[in-house]
Amino acid sequence: MIPSGLPTHRACATVIRNPKTEGAAVKTQHTQFAISLLAIGLVLLAAHWFKVWPMLGGHPFWSASVTYLGIGIGTVVAIFAHLILTKHPRWTKLLLGGFVSIAIIGITASTYGKIDFVASYGEDRLAGRIWYYGFIVFIAGIPGSITTTIRLVRGPHG
């Protein structure tokens, strides 16, 4: 039985939204994003402290600056992407593809820059810069990739 005067036909019925629960879902989403971004930053710092970057092809001397710059740039870009996704949640897969592509392009550029730099016995400065900046791009792509993947797995209202 439908309360007084409301339409009984399904096509005419409207969904009543509760702004209090929508605000709570968005607040929870922001909190979960902040926690995951902090955890990713700590994992990237731990990777630097445990010398993972030189094992992956980063320069042992420059790995500290690469880590800090990559985390900073990646955090800013991930926050920007999170703000975009709160308004346009259907873009999640597009942004995830972009972040993963950025990380892959960064590690590829870093690898080929390292190969050319080492083959020139340290004389090819352009290859050295490509190695350095490519690794920054690789690390900067990680926070956005992981936070967007978490958002995709959790769903739009998770």
N, C-alpha and C. Protein backbone atom coordinates (compact mmCIF):
# COMPACT_ATOMS: atom_id res chain seq x y z
N MET A 1 0.84 -1.17 0.00
CA MET A 1 0.00 0.00 0.00
C MET A 1 0.89 1.24 0.00
N ILE A 2 0.60 2.16 -0.89
CA ILE A 2 1.37 3.39 -1.04
C ILE A 2 0.72 4.49 -0.18
N PRO A 3 1.54 5.26 0.55
CA PRO A 3 0.99 6.34 1.37
C PRO A 3 0.30 7.41 0.52
N SER A 4 -0.53 8.14 1.13
CA SER A 4 -1.43 9.15 0.58
C SER A 4 -0.94 9.88 -0.67
N GLY A 5 -1.59 9.62 -1.76
CA GLY A 5 -1.44 10.40 -2.98
C GLY A 5 -0.20 10.15 -3.80
N LEU A 6 0.68 9.25 -3.42
CA LEU A 6 1.87 8.99 -4.23
C LEU A 6 1.47 8.13 -5.43
N PRO A 7 2.11 8.32 -6.57
CA PRO A 7 1.75 7.53 -7.74
C PRO A 7 2.06 6.06 -7.53
N THR A 8 1.19 5.22 -8.07
CA THR A 8 1.37 3.79 -7.90
C THR A 8 2.06 3.16 -9.10
N HIS A 9 2.16 3.88 -10.19
CA HIS A 9 2.81 3.36 -11.39
C HIS A 9 4.32 3.50 -11.25
N ARG A 10 5.09 2.45 -11.56
CA ARG A 10 6.54 2.47 -11.37
C ARG A 10 7.24 3.53 -12.22
N ALA A 11 6.76 3.80 -13.41
CA ALA A 11 7.40 4.77 -14.28
C ALA A 11 7.30 6.18 -13.71
N CYS A 12 6.31 6.44 -12.88
CA CYS A 12 6.10 7.78 -12.32
C CYS A 12 6.81 7.96 -11.00
N ALA A 13 7.24 6.87 -10.37
CA ALA A 13 7.86 6.97 -9.06
C ALA A 13 9.25 7.61 -9.18
N THR A 14 9.60 8.41 -8.22
CA THR A 14 10.92 9.03 -8.19
C THR A 14 11.69 8.51 -7.00
N VAL A 15 13.00 8.55 -7.14
CA VAL A 15 13.86 8.10 -6.06
C VAL A 15 14.18 9.30 -5.19
N ILE A 16 13.94 9.16 -3.91
CA ILE A 16 14.23 10.24 -2.97
C ILE A 16 15.63 10.01 -2.43
N ARG A 17 16.49 11.00 -2.60
CA ARG A 17 17.87 10.89 -2.15
C ARG A 17 18.01 11.54 -0.78
N ASN A 18 18.87 10.95 0.00
CA ASN A 18 19.13 11.48 1.32
C ASN A 18 20.50 12.16 1.30
N PRO A 19 20.56 13.50 1.38
CA PRO A 19 21.85 14.18 1.31
C PRO A 19 22.77 13.86 2.47
N LYS A 20 22.23 13.47 3.60
CA LYS A 20 23.08 13.13 4.74
C LYS A 20 23.89 11.86 4.46
N THR A 21 23.27 10.85 3.90
CA THR A 21 24.00 9.62 3.62
C THR A 21 24.96 9.78 2.44
N GLU A 22 24.60 10.62 1.46
CA GLU A 22 25.52 10.87 0.35
C GLU A 22 26.76 11.60 0.83
N GLY A 23 26.59 12.57 1.72
CA GLY A 23 27.73 13.29 2.27
C GLY A 23 28.63 12.39 3.08
N ALA A 24 28.04 11.46 3.82
CA ALA A 24 28.83 10.52 4.61
C ALA A 24 29.61 9.57 3.72
N ALA A 25 29.00 9.16 2.59
CA ALA A 25 29.72 8.27 1.67
C ALA A 25 30.90 8.97 1.04
N VAL A 26 30.74 10.24 0.68
CA VAL A 26 31.84 10.99 0.09
C VAL A 26 32.94 11.23 1.12
N LYS A 27 32.55 11.53 2.36
CA LYS A 27 33.53 11.75 3.41
C LYS A 27 34.33 10.47 3.68
N THR A 28 33.65 9.34 3.70
CA THR A 28 34.32 8.05 3.88
C THR A 28 35.26 7.77 2.71
N GLN A 29 34.82 8.11 1.52
CA GLN A 29 35.64 7.90 0.33
C GLN A 29 36.92 8.74 0.40
N HIS A 30 36.81 10.00 0.85
CA HIS A 30 37.99 10.85 0.99
C HIS A 30 38.94 10.32 2.06
N THR A 31 38.37 9.83 3.16
CA THR A 31 39.20 9.29 4.24
C THR A 31 39.95 8.05 3.78
N GLN A 32 39.25 7.15 3.10
CA GLN A 32 39.91 5.94 2.60
C GLN A 32 40.98 6.27 1.58
N PHE A 33 40.74 7.28 0.75
CA PHE A 33 41.75 7.71 -0.22
C PHE A 33 42.99 8.25 0.49
N ALA A 34 42.78 9.08 1.50
CA ALA A 34 43.91 9.66 2.22
C ALA A 34 44.73 8.57 2.93
N ILE A 35 44.05 7.61 3.52
CA ILE A 35 44.76 6.52 4.20
C ILE A 35 45.56 5.69 3.19
N SER A 36 44.94 5.38 2.05
CA SER A 36 45.65 4.57 1.06
C SER A 36 46.82 5.34 0.46
N LEU A 37 46.67 6.65 0.26
CA LEU A 37 47.76 7.46 -0.28
C LEU A 37 48.93 7.53 0.71
N LEU A 38 48.62 7.65 1.99
CA LEU A 38 49.67 7.65 3.02
C LEU A 38 50.39 6.31 3.05
N ALA A 39 49.63 5.22 2.97
CA ALA A 39 50.25 3.89 2.98
C ALA A 39 51.14 3.69 1.76
N ILE A 40 50.70 4.15 0.61
CA ILE A 40 51.51 4.01 -0.61
C ILE A 40 52.79 4.82 -0.48
N GLY A 41 52.69 6.02 0.05
CA GLY A 41 53.89 6.84 0.26
C GLY A 41 54.88 6.17 1.20
N LEU A 42 54.39 5.57 2.26
CA LEU A 42 55.27 4.86 3.19
C LEU A 42 55.92 3.64 2.55
N VAL A 43 55.17 2.93 1.72
CA VAL A 43 55.74 1.76 1.03
C VAL A 43 56.82 2.21 0.04
N LEU A 44 56.60 3.32 -0.66
CA LEU A 44 57.62 3.83 -1.59
C LEU A 44 58.87 4.29 -0.85
N LEU A 45 58.67 4.93 0.30
CA LEU A 45 59.83 5.32 1.12
C LEU A 45 60.58 4.09 1.63
N ALA A 46 59.84 3.07 2.06
CA ALA A 46 60.49 1.84 2.51
C ALA A 46 61.25 1.18 1.38
N ALA A 47 60.72 1.26 0.16
CA ALA A 47 61.43 0.70 -0.99
C ALA A 47 62.75 1.43 -1.19
N HIS A 48 62.77 2.73 -0.97
CA HIS A 48 64.04 3.48 -1.06
C HIS A 48 64.99 3.08 0.06
N TRP A 49 64.48 2.99 1.28
CA TRP A 49 65.33 2.66 2.43
C TRP A 49 65.93 1.26 2.32
N PHE A 50 65.19 0.34 1.72
CA PHE A 50 65.68 -1.03 1.57
C PHE A 50 66.38 -1.26 0.23
N LYS A 51 66.71 -0.17 -0.45
CA LYS A 51 67.50 -0.20 -1.70
C LYS A 51 66.84 -1.02 -2.81
N VAL A 52 65.52 -0.91 -2.94
CA VAL A 52 64.81 -1.61 -4.01
C VAL A 52 65.03 -0.91 -5.35
N TRP A 53 65.11 0.43 -5.34
CA TRP A 53 65.24 1.16 -6.60
C TRP A 53 66.51 0.82 -7.36
N PRO A 54 67.67 0.71 -6.73
CA PRO A 54 68.83 0.28 -7.51
C PRO A 54 68.68 -1.14 -8.08
N MET A 55 67.94 -1.99 -7.39
CA MET A 55 67.70 -3.33 -7.93
C MET A 55 66.81 -3.28 -9.17
N LEU A 56 65.92 -2.27 -9.24
CA LEU A 56 65.04 -2.12 -10.40
C LEU A 56 65.65 -1.28 -11.51
N GLY A 57 66.85 -0.79 -11.30
CA GLY A 57 67.52 -0.04 -12.36
C GLY A 57 67.75 1.42 -12.06
N GLY A 58 67.40 1.88 -10.87
CA GLY A 58 67.65 3.26 -10.50
C GLY A 58 69.11 3.46 -10.10
N HIS A 59 69.58 4.69 -10.23
CA HIS A 59 70.96 4.99 -9.84
C HIS A 59 71.05 4.99 -8.32
N PRO A 60 72.03 4.31 -7.74
CA PRO A 60 72.12 4.24 -6.27
C PRO A 60 72.28 5.61 -5.61
N PHE A 61 73.02 6.51 -6.25
CA PHE A 61 73.26 7.83 -5.65
C PHE A 61 72.03 8.73 -5.75
N TRP A 62 71.31 8.66 -6.87
CA TRP A 62 70.19 9.56 -7.11
C TRP A 62 68.85 8.99 -6.66
N SER A 63 68.83 7.82 -6.06
CA SER A 63 67.55 7.19 -5.72
C SER A 63 66.79 7.97 -4.65
N ALA A 64 67.49 8.69 -3.77
CA ALA A 64 66.78 9.46 -2.74
C ALA A 64 66.00 10.60 -3.37
N SER A 65 66.64 11.38 -4.22
CA SER A 65 65.92 12.51 -4.83
C SER A 65 64.82 12.02 -5.76
N VAL A 66 65.07 10.91 -6.45
CA VAL A 66 64.06 10.33 -7.33
C VAL A 66 62.84 9.91 -6.51
N THR A 67 63.06 9.30 -5.37
CA THR A 67 61.96 8.85 -4.52
C THR A 67 61.14 10.02 -4.01
N TYR A 68 61.79 11.04 -3.47
CA TYR A 68 61.07 12.16 -2.90
C TYR A 68 60.32 12.95 -3.97
N LEU A 69 60.97 13.19 -5.11
CA LEU A 69 60.29 13.90 -6.19
C LEU A 69 59.13 13.07 -6.75
N GLY A 70 59.35 11.79 -6.94
CA GLY A 70 58.30 10.93 -7.47
C GLY A 70 57.09 10.83 -6.55
N ILE A 71 57.34 10.70 -5.25
CA ILE A 71 56.24 10.64 -4.29
C ILE A 71 55.48 11.96 -4.28
N GLY A 72 56.21 13.08 -4.29
CA GLY A 72 55.55 14.38 -4.27
C GLY A 72 54.69 14.63 -5.50
N ILE A 73 55.26 14.40 -6.67
CA ILE A 73 54.52 14.61 -7.91
C ILE A 73 53.37 13.62 -8.02
N GLY A 74 53.62 12.37 -7.69
CA GLY A 74 52.58 11.35 -7.75
C GLY A 74 51.43 11.62 -6.81
N THR A 75 51.72 12.15 -5.62
CA THR A 75 50.68 12.47 -4.65
C THR A 75 49.80 13.61 -5.16
N VAL A 76 50.43 14.65 -5.70
CA VAL A 76 49.66 15.78 -6.24
C VAL A 76 48.76 15.33 -7.39
N VAL A 77 49.30 14.53 -8.29
CA VAL A 77 48.51 14.05 -9.43
C VAL A 77 47.40 13.11 -8.96
N ALA A 78 47.68 12.26 -7.98
CA ALA A 78 46.65 11.35 -7.46
C ALA A 78 45.52 12.12 -6.77
N ILE A 79 45.85 13.17 -6.04
CA ILE A 79 44.82 13.99 -5.40
C ILE A 79 43.97 14.67 -6.47
N PHE A 80 44.60 15.21 -7.49
CA PHE A 80 43.86 15.83 -8.58
C PHE A 80 42.93 14.82 -9.26
N ALA A 81 43.43 13.62 -9.50
CA ALA A 81 42.61 12.57 -10.11
C ALA A 81 41.46 12.17 -9.19
N HIS A 82 41.70 12.10 -7.89
CA HIS A 82 40.64 11.76 -6.94
C HIS A 82 39.54 12.81 -6.96
N LEU A 83 39.92 14.07 -7.02
CA LEU A 83 38.92 15.13 -7.08
C LEU A 83 38.11 15.06 -8.37
N ILE A 84 38.75 14.71 -9.47
CA ILE A 84 38.04 14.54 -10.73
C ILE A 84 37.07 13.37 -10.63
N LEU A 85 37.53 12.28 -10.03
CA LEU A 85 36.70 11.07 -9.95
C LEU A 85 35.51 11.23 -8.99
N THR A 86 35.58 12.16 -8.04
CA THR A 86 34.41 12.38 -7.20
C THR A 86 33.28 13.03 -8.00
N LYS A 87 33.63 13.80 -9.01
CA LYS A 87 32.62 14.42 -9.87
C LYS A 87 32.23 13.53 -11.05
N HIS A 88 33.19 12.78 -11.58
CA HIS A 88 32.98 11.94 -12.77
C HIS A 88 33.47 10.51 -12.51
N PRO A 89 32.73 9.71 -11.75
CA PRO A 89 33.22 8.36 -11.40
C PRO A 89 33.34 7.42 -12.59
N ARG A 90 32.70 7.73 -13.69
CA ARG A 90 32.79 6.84 -14.86
C ARG A 90 34.14 6.93 -15.55
N TRP A 91 34.97 7.89 -15.19
CA TRP A 91 36.30 8.04 -15.79
C TRP A 91 37.36 7.20 -15.09
N THR A 92 36.98 6.36 -14.16
CA THR A 92 37.95 5.60 -13.35
C THR A 92 38.84 4.74 -14.22
N LYS A 93 38.26 3.98 -15.14
CA LYS A 93 39.08 3.10 -15.99
C LYS A 93 40.00 3.90 -16.90
N LEU A 94 39.53 5.04 -17.39
CA LEU A 94 40.36 5.89 -18.24
C LEU A 94 41.57 6.41 -17.48
N LEU A 95 41.34 6.92 -16.27
CA LEU A 95 42.46 7.43 -15.47
C LEU A 95 43.40 6.31 -15.03
N LEU A 96 42.85 5.14 -14.73
CA LEU A 96 43.70 4.01 -14.37
C LEU A 96 44.62 3.65 -15.54
N GLY A 97 44.06 3.60 -16.73
CA GLY A 97 44.88 3.33 -17.91
C GLY A 97 45.95 4.38 -18.11
N GLY A 98 45.61 5.64 -17.85
CA GLY A 98 46.60 6.71 -17.96
C GLY A 98 47.73 6.57 -16.96
N PHE A 99 47.39 6.28 -15.71
CA PHE A 99 48.42 6.12 -14.68
C PHE A 99 49.33 4.92 -14.95
N VAL A 100 48.74 3.82 -15.35
CA VAL A 100 49.55 2.63 -15.65
C VAL A 100 50.45 2.91 -16.86
N SER A 101 49.92 3.61 -17.85
CA SER A 101 50.73 3.97 -19.02
C SER A 101 51.88 4.87 -18.63
N ILE A 102 51.62 5.83 -17.75
CA ILE A 102 52.68 6.72 -17.28
C ILE A 102 53.79 5.93 -16.60
N ALA A 103 53.41 5.00 -15.73
CA ALA A 103 54.41 4.19 -15.03
C ALA A 103 55.21 3.32 -16.01
N ILE A 104 54.54 2.74 -16.99
CA ILE A 104 55.24 1.89 -17.96
C ILE A 104 56.17 2.72 -18.84
N ILE A 105 55.69 3.88 -19.28
CA ILE A 105 56.55 4.76 -20.09
C ILE A 105 57.75 5.22 -19.28
N GLY A 106 57.53 5.53 -18.01
CA GLY A 106 58.63 5.97 -17.16
C GLY A 106 59.69 4.91 -16.97
N ILE A 107 59.29 3.67 -16.70
CA ILE A 107 60.28 2.62 -16.48
C ILE A 107 60.97 2.25 -17.79
N THR A 108 60.25 2.35 -18.91
CA THR A 108 60.87 2.07 -20.21
C THR A 108 61.91 3.13 -20.55
N ALA A 109 61.55 4.40 -20.38
CA ALA A 109 62.50 5.48 -20.64
C ALA A 109 63.71 5.37 -19.72
N SER A 110 63.47 5.04 -18.47
CA SER A 110 64.57 4.90 -17.52
C SER A 110 65.51 3.77 -17.92
N THR A 111 64.94 2.66 -18.35
CA THR A 111 65.77 1.51 -18.74
C THR A 111 66.63 1.83 -19.95
N TYR A 112 66.03 2.41 -20.97
CA TYR A 112 66.82 2.72 -22.17
C TYR A 112 67.79 3.86 -21.94
N GLY A 113 67.43 4.82 -21.09
CA GLY A 113 68.38 5.87 -20.72
C GLY A 113 69.57 5.32 -19.98
N LYS A 114 69.32 4.37 -19.09
CA LYS A 114 70.41 3.74 -18.34
C LYS A 114 71.34 2.97 -19.27
N ILE A 115 70.74 2.23 -20.20
CA ILE A 115 71.55 1.44 -21.13
C ILE A 115 72.47 2.35 -21.95
N ASP A 116 71.91 3.44 -22.49
CA ASP A 116 72.72 4.36 -23.29
C ASP A 116 73.76 5.09 -22.45
N PHE A 117 73.39 5.47 -21.23
CA PHE A 117 74.31 6.19 -20.37
C PHE A 117 75.49 5.32 -19.98
N VAL A 118 75.22 4.09 -19.61
CA VAL A 118 76.28 3.18 -19.21
C VAL A 118 77.14 2.80 -20.40
N ALA A 119 76.53 2.62 -21.57
CA ALA A 119 77.28 2.26 -22.77
C ALA A 119 78.21 3.38 -23.21
N SER A 120 77.88 4.62 -22.86
CA SER A 120 78.74 5.75 -23.24
C SER A 120 79.77 6.07 -22.16
N TYR A 121 79.87 5.22 -21.15
CA TYR A 121 80.79 5.43 -20.01
C TYR A 121 80.54 6.77 -19.32
N GLY A 122 79.29 7.15 -19.22
CA GLY A 122 78.93 8.37 -18.50
C GLY A 122 79.09 9.64 -19.29
N GLU A 123 79.33 9.56 -20.58
CA GLU A 123 79.53 10.76 -21.40
C GLU A 123 78.23 11.31 -21.97
N ASP A 124 77.25 10.49 -22.19
CA ASP A 124 75.99 10.91 -22.80
C ASP A 124 75.09 11.49 -21.72
N ARG A 125 75.11 12.81 -21.59
CA ARG A 125 74.36 13.46 -20.52
C ARG A 125 72.85 13.40 -20.76
N LEU A 126 72.44 13.41 -22.02
CA LEU A 126 71.01 13.31 -22.32
C LEU A 126 70.46 11.97 -21.86
N ALA A 127 71.21 10.90 -22.11
CA ALA A 127 70.77 9.58 -21.66
C ALA A 127 70.71 9.52 -20.13
N GLY A 128 71.64 10.18 -19.46
CA GLY A 128 71.60 10.23 -18.00
C GLY A 128 70.37 10.96 -17.49
N ARG A 129 70.00 12.03 -18.16
CA ARG A 129 68.80 12.76 -17.76
C ARG A 129 67.54 11.95 -18.02
N ILE A 130 67.51 11.25 -19.15
CA ILE A 130 66.37 10.40 -19.45
C ILE A 130 66.24 9.30 -18.40
N TRP A 131 67.37 8.73 -18.00
CA TRP A 131 67.37 7.72 -16.95
C TRP A 131 66.79 8.29 -15.66
N TYR A 132 67.28 9.47 -15.26
CA TYR A 132 66.85 10.12 -14.01
C TYR A 132 65.37 10.49 -14.05
N TYR A 133 64.96 11.24 -15.06
CA TYR A 133 63.57 11.70 -15.13
C TYR A 133 62.60 10.56 -15.43
N GLY A 134 63.05 9.56 -16.16
CA GLY A 134 62.20 8.39 -16.40
C GLY A 134 61.87 7.66 -15.12
N PHE A 135 62.84 7.56 -14.23
CA PHE A 135 62.57 6.89 -12.96
C PHE A 135 61.67 7.72 -12.06
N ILE A 136 61.79 9.06 -12.14
CA ILE A 136 60.86 9.92 -11.40
C ILE A 136 59.43 9.72 -11.91
N VAL A 137 59.28 9.66 -13.23
CA VAL A 137 57.96 9.44 -13.81
C VAL A 137 57.41 8.08 -13.40
N PHE A 138 58.25 7.07 -13.35
CA PHE A 138 57.82 5.74 -12.92
C PHE A 138 57.27 5.78 -11.49
N ILE A 139 58.01 6.38 -10.58
CA ILE A 139 57.56 6.44 -9.19
C ILE A 139 56.33 7.34 -9.06
N ALA A 140 56.27 8.40 -9.85
CA ALA A 140 55.11 9.31 -9.79
C ALA A 140 53.83 8.64 -10.30
N GLY A 141 53.95 7.64 -11.14
CA GLY A 141 52.76 6.94 -11.64
C GLY A 141 52.21 5.92 -10.68
N ILE A 142 52.98 5.53 -9.69
CA ILE A 142 52.55 4.47 -8.77
C ILE A 142 51.40 4.89 -7.85
N PRO A 143 51.45 6.05 -7.16
CA PRO A 143 50.32 6.38 -6.26
C PRO A 143 48.98 6.49 -6.97
N GLY A 144 48.96 7.12 -8.13
CA GLY A 144 47.70 7.23 -8.87
C GLY A 144 47.19 5.89 -9.35
N SER A 145 48.12 5.03 -9.80
CA SER A 145 47.71 3.71 -10.27
C SER A 145 47.08 2.89 -9.15
N ILE A 146 47.70 2.89 -8.00
CA ILE A 146 47.20 2.06 -6.91
C ILE A 146 45.91 2.62 -6.32
N THR A 147 45.84 3.94 -6.09
CA THR A 147 44.61 4.50 -5.52
C THR A 147 43.44 4.37 -6.49
N THR A 148 43.69 4.51 -7.78
CA THR A 148 42.61 4.36 -8.75
C THR A 148 42.18 2.90 -8.85
N THR A 149 43.12 1.97 -8.74
CA THR A 149 42.77 0.55 -8.73
C THR A 149 41.92 0.21 -7.51
N ILE A 150 42.29 0.74 -6.36
CA ILE A 150 41.50 0.52 -5.14
C ILE A 150 40.10 1.07 -5.32
N ARG A 151 40.00 2.25 -5.90
CA ARG A 151 38.68 2.85 -6.14
C ARG A 151 37.86 2.01 -7.10
N LEU A 152 38.49 1.46 -8.14
CA LEU A 152 37.79 0.64 -9.11
C LEU A 152 37.31 -0.67 -8.48
N VAL A 153 38.13 -1.26 -7.64
CA VAL A 153 37.75 -2.52 -6.98
C VAL A 153 36.62 -2.29 -5.96
N ARG A 154 36.69 -1.19 -5.21
CA ARG A 154 35.68 -0.89 -4.21
C ARG A 154 34.34 -0.51 -4.83
N GLY A 155 34.36 0.03 -6.03
CA GLY A 155 33.13 0.47 -6.66
C GLY A 155 32.91 1.95 -6.47
N PRO A 156 31.92 2.53 -7.14
CA PRO A 156 31.73 3.97 -7.10
C PRO A 156 31.27 4.51 -5.74
N HIS A 157 30.62 3.69 -4.95
CA HIS A 157 30.11 4.19 -3.67
C HIS A 157 30.69 3.46 -2.48
N GLY A 158 31.87 2.80 -2.68
CA GLY A 158 32.45 1.97 -1.63
C GLY A 158 33.08 2.66 -0.57
